[in-house]
Protein backbone atom coordinates (compact mmCIF):
# COMPACT_ATOMS: atom_id res chain seq x y z
CA MET A 1 6.38 -24.41 -30.47
CA ARG A 2 7.57 -22.39 -33.49
CA LYS A 3 5.35 -19.73 -32.84
CA LYS A 4 6.74 -19.70 -29.24
CA LEU A 5 10.24 -19.89 -30.66
CA LYS A 6 9.79 -17.12 -32.82
CA ARG A 7 8.44 -14.73 -30.07
CA PHE A 8 11.61 -15.43 -27.96
CA ALA A 9 13.62 -14.64 -30.67
CA GLU A 10 11.80 -11.14 -30.93
CA ASN A 11 11.69 -10.90 -27.30
CA ALA A 12 15.48 -10.83 -27.15
CA GLN A 13 15.45 -7.92 -29.66
CA ARG A 14 13.09 -5.87 -27.59
CA SER A 15 14.11 -2.76 -25.51
CA ASN A 16 11.07 -3.05 -23.50
CA ILE A 17 11.88 -6.49 -22.11
CA ILE A 18 14.73 -7.00 -19.69
CA GLU A 19 15.54 -10.67 -19.42
CA PRO A 20 18.39 -12.95 -19.08
CA GLY A 21 20.98 -12.75 -21.65
CA LYS A 22 20.93 -8.85 -21.95
CA ALA A 23 23.29 -6.66 -19.97
CA ILE A 24 20.71 -4.46 -18.55
CA TYR A 25 19.18 -7.73 -16.85
CA THR A 26 22.23 -7.80 -14.16
CA ASN A 27 22.69 -3.86 -13.97
CA ILE A 28 18.75 -2.64 -13.58
CA LYS A 29 18.74 -3.18 -9.52
CA GLY A 30 18.44 0.30 -8.19
CA GLN A 31 18.73 2.04 -11.82
CA TRP A 32 15.17 1.55 -13.22
CA ASN A 33 14.46 5.66 -13.44
CA THR A 34 17.95 6.41 -14.70
CA ALA A 35 19.27 3.40 -16.73
CA TYR A 36 15.78 2.57 -18.31
CA PHE A 37 13.21 5.44 -18.18
CA GLY A 38 15.71 8.41 -17.74
CA ASN A 39 13.42 10.23 -15.31
CA THR A 40 12.44 10.32 -11.50
CA SER A 41 8.98 9.44 -11.78
CA ASP A 42 7.15 6.99 -9.16
CA LEU A 43 8.00 3.15 -10.22
CA VAL A 44 4.90 0.93 -9.98
CA VAL A 45 5.55 -2.99 -10.40
CA GLU A 46 2.77 -5.31 -11.08
CA LEU A 47 3.49 -9.10 -10.14
CA ALA A 48 2.62 -12.02 -12.27
CA CYS A 49 1.39 -9.75 -14.78
CA GLY A 50 0.84 -12.54 -17.39
CA LYS A 51 0.07 -10.36 -20.64
CA GLY A 52 0.62 -7.24 -18.97
CA ALA A 53 -3.12 -6.08 -19.04
CA TYR A 54 -3.19 -4.07 -16.22
CA THR A 55 0.44 -2.73 -16.27
CA LEU A 56 -0.53 -1.85 -19.70
CA GLY A 57 -3.80 0.05 -18.66
CA LEU A 58 -2.29 2.05 -16.05
CA ALA A 59 0.63 3.26 -18.29
CA GLN A 60 -2.37 4.48 -20.58
CA MET A 61 -3.83 6.18 -17.81
CA PHE A 62 -0.78 7.48 -15.78
CA SER A 63 1.83 8.97 -18.16
CA ASN A 64 3.46 10.84 -15.26
CA LYS A 65 4.51 7.50 -13.65
CA ASN A 66 6.99 4.47 -14.68
CA PHE A 67 5.22 0.80 -14.85
CA VAL A 68 7.27 -2.56 -14.77
CA GLY A 69 5.17 -6.00 -15.40
CA VAL A 70 6.99 -8.82 -13.83
CA ASP A 71 6.38 -12.22 -15.00
CA ILE A 72 8.60 -15.49 -16.01
CA LYS A 73 6.47 -16.65 -18.97
CA GLY A 74 8.31 -15.12 -21.94
CA ALA A 75 5.52 -15.85 -24.24
CA ARG A 76 3.33 -13.62 -22.34
CA LEU A 77 5.20 -10.88 -22.07
CA TRP A 78 5.85 -10.91 -25.71
CA THR A 79 1.64 -9.93 -26.02
CA GLY A 80 2.42 -7.12 -23.68
CA SER A 81 5.68 -5.77 -25.18
CA THR A 82 3.71 -5.86 -28.43
CA GLN A 83 0.85 -3.82 -27.35
CA ALA A 84 3.05 -1.45 -25.82
CA ILE A 85 5.10 -1.11 -28.92
CA THR A 86 1.66 -0.80 -30.95
CA GLU A 87 0.74 2.28 -28.88
CA LYS A 88 3.70 3.69 -28.08
CA LEU A 89 3.95 3.34 -24.48
CA SER A 90 7.18 4.52 -23.59
CA ASN A 91 6.67 4.57 -19.52
CA VAL A 92 6.16 0.74 -19.38
CA VAL A 93 8.55 -1.97 -19.43
CA PHE A 94 8.40 -5.75 -18.65
CA LEU A 95 10.85 -8.02 -16.58
CA ARG A 96 11.46 -11.53 -17.04
CA ALA A 97 12.26 -12.93 -13.73
CA ARG A 98 10.76 -14.77 -10.86
CA ILE A 99 9.16 -13.02 -8.06
CA GLU A 100 10.87 -14.70 -5.20
CA GLU A 101 13.62 -13.08 -6.52
CA LEU A 102 12.75 -9.41 -6.81
CA ASP A 103 15.31 -8.38 -4.61
CA SER A 104 17.88 -8.84 -7.45
CA PHE A 105 16.16 -6.47 -9.68
CA PHE A 106 14.82 -3.92 -7.20
CA ALA A 107 16.87 -1.79 -4.55
CA ALA A 108 15.43 -0.88 -1.06
CA LYS A 109 12.58 1.28 -1.22
CA GLU A 110 12.88 1.78 -5.13
CA ILE A 111 9.20 0.60 -5.67
CA SER A 112 6.15 3.28 -4.91
CA THR A 113 3.42 0.82 -5.87
CA LEU A 114 2.96 -2.43 -5.69
CA TYR A 115 -0.17 -4.61 -7.64
CA ILE A 116 -0.57 -8.21 -7.47
CA PRO A 117 -3.92 -9.13 -9.18
CA PHE A 118 -5.18 -12.60 -9.35
CA PRO A 119 -2.24 -14.39 -8.61
CA ASP A 120 -1.98 -18.32 -8.39
CA PRO A 121 -3.76 -19.29 -4.77
CA HIS A 122 -1.57 -22.59 -4.40
CA PRO A 123 -4.59 -24.03 -2.49
CA ARG A 124 -2.71 -26.89 -1.03
CA SER A 125 -1.16 -26.41 2.58
CA ARG A 126 2.08 -27.79 1.50
CA ASP A 127 2.19 -24.95 -1.26
CA ALA A 128 1.28 -21.89 1.34
CA LYS A 129 4.78 -20.21 1.00
CA ARG A 130 4.49 -19.93 -2.52
CA ARG A 131 1.59 -17.64 -2.35
CA LEU A 132 2.29 -14.15 -3.13
CA THR A 133 0.57 -13.19 -0.05
CA SER A 134 2.65 -15.45 2.40
CA PRO A 135 4.69 -13.94 5.23
CA ARG A 136 8.07 -14.54 3.25
CA PHE A 137 6.41 -12.48 0.44
CA TRP A 138 5.61 -9.59 2.50
CA ALA A 139 9.06 -9.55 4.00
CA LEU A 140 10.25 -9.18 0.68
CA TYR A 141 7.95 -6.28 -0.68
CA ARG A 142 8.22 -4.20 2.45
CA GLN A 143 11.91 -4.03 1.93
CA LEU A 144 11.72 -2.85 -1.45
CA LEU A 145 8.42 -0.36 -1.26
CA GLN A 146 8.97 3.02 -0.33
CA PRO A 147 7.68 4.45 3.15
CA ASP A 148 3.72 4.60 2.92
CA GLY A 149 3.83 2.80 -0.59
CA GLN A 150 0.71 1.23 -1.08
CA VAL A 151 -0.02 -2.71 -1.95
CA HIS A 152 -3.14 -3.66 -4.26
CA PHE A 153 -4.13 -7.05 -4.19
CA LYS A 154 -7.10 -8.65 -6.34
CA THR A 155 -8.32 -12.30 -6.22
CA ASP A 156 -11.59 -14.32 -7.05
CA ASN A 157 -10.35 -17.14 -4.71
CA ASP A 158 -12.28 -16.77 -1.40
CA ALA A 159 -9.91 -19.03 0.47
CA LEU A 160 -6.80 -16.86 -0.41
CA PHE A 161 -8.24 -13.81 0.47
CA GLU A 162 -8.82 -14.86 3.84
CA TYR A 163 -5.65 -16.44 4.22
CA THR A 164 -4.21 -12.84 3.18
CA LEU A 165 -6.33 -11.33 5.99
CA GLN A 166 -5.39 -13.62 8.68
CA VAL A 167 -1.37 -13.24 7.51
CA LEU A 168 -1.77 -9.61 7.38
CA GLN A 169 -2.87 -9.48 11.06
CA ALA A 170 0.75 -10.31 12.19
CA GLU A 171 2.21 -7.95 9.76
CA ARG A 172 2.88 -4.02 10.71
CA ILE A 173 0.76 -2.35 8.26
CA LYS A 174 -1.87 0.44 8.23
CA ASN A 175 -4.78 1.80 6.24
CA LEU A 176 -5.89 -1.53 5.54
CA THR A 177 -9.15 -1.44 3.38
CA TYR A 178 -11.16 -4.47 1.85
CA THR A 179 -14.14 -5.83 0.19
CA ARG A 180 -15.33 -9.15 -0.61
CA ASP A 181 -17.12 -7.87 -3.65
CA LEU A 182 -15.43 -5.14 -5.32
CA TYR A 183 -18.01 -4.67 -8.08
CA ALA A 184 -20.57 -4.01 -5.20
CA SER A 185 -18.20 -1.57 -3.66
CA PRO A 186 -17.12 2.34 -3.92
CA LEU A 187 -13.66 0.77 -4.08
CA LEU A 188 -14.47 -0.10 -7.67
CA ALA A 189 -13.78 3.45 -8.64
CA GLU A 190 -10.24 3.17 -7.60
CA HIS A 191 -9.54 0.44 -10.66
CA HIS A 192 -10.47 2.84 -13.44
CA GLY A 193 -12.17 0.06 -15.60
CA ILE A 194 -9.09 -1.78 -15.95
CA GLN A 195 -9.83 -5.84 -16.04
CA THR A 196 -7.45 -8.50 -16.41
CA ALA A 197 -8.50 -11.73 -18.70
CA TYR A 198 -9.05 -13.46 -15.65
CA GLU A 199 -11.26 -10.73 -14.36
CA GLN A 200 -13.39 -10.55 -17.27
CA GLN A 201 -13.34 -14.62 -17.15
CA PHE A 202 -14.55 -14.57 -13.72
CA LEU A 203 -17.10 -11.46 -13.64
CA ALA A 204 -18.57 -13.59 -16.71
CA GLN A 205 -19.13 -16.70 -14.68
CA ASP A 206 -20.70 -14.41 -11.88
CA ILE A 207 -18.01 -15.22 -9.28
CA LYS A 208 -17.07 -11.93 -6.95
CA ILE A 209 -13.92 -10.49 -6.49
CA SER A 210 -12.14 -9.64 -3.67
CA TYR A 211 -9.93 -6.59 -3.10
CA LEU A 212 -7.95 -5.12 -0.52
CA ARG A 213 -4.78 -2.35 -0.07
CA PHE A 214 -2.58 -1.32 2.80
CA ALA A 215 0.53 0.18 3.30
CA PHE A 216 3.18 -1.14 5.50
CA ARG A 217 4.27 0.99 8.67
């Protein structure tokens, strides 16, 4: 507990973590590129980013884009924040917020690309609305993504993947591409060798990774 409290205290002093208690937390909506990054580059967002492995990996490879990792767990964000500071990554920031409140922090059409890697599958039927690929979340993402903005989704959970494909049948989307075995697919090249901790764990257990991408119409 003492270690966690120390990290929370450090988070409060860090400029690359936006969280409650900081003035920018309530003023950042629609202002990411002007108020934080100071440029007009594409804004890429990772949901439920955890320690930020994917956000950090992309930021390292694409210095011409801005990256935001979103998670509610401050201790996890501290890890990503620390790495970003160590590696002097000025194009990445972490937002401590609930994903269902995403429209409180991003304006309509402000996000260029959205990543959803290995979200909680919420396997119980009564929890379906909490899945980040449920209809209410697609409605939220559609509002915030730019025209032709892409969504990328990865999971080890077969039931969640099939659920997601089924839900997307009712959505107005285009260019849907998917695989149920990413590491045996040509689509693997799109991932630049970046792996989250969960992904490494699943691969070590020989669990297949499913992946899809699309854009809203």
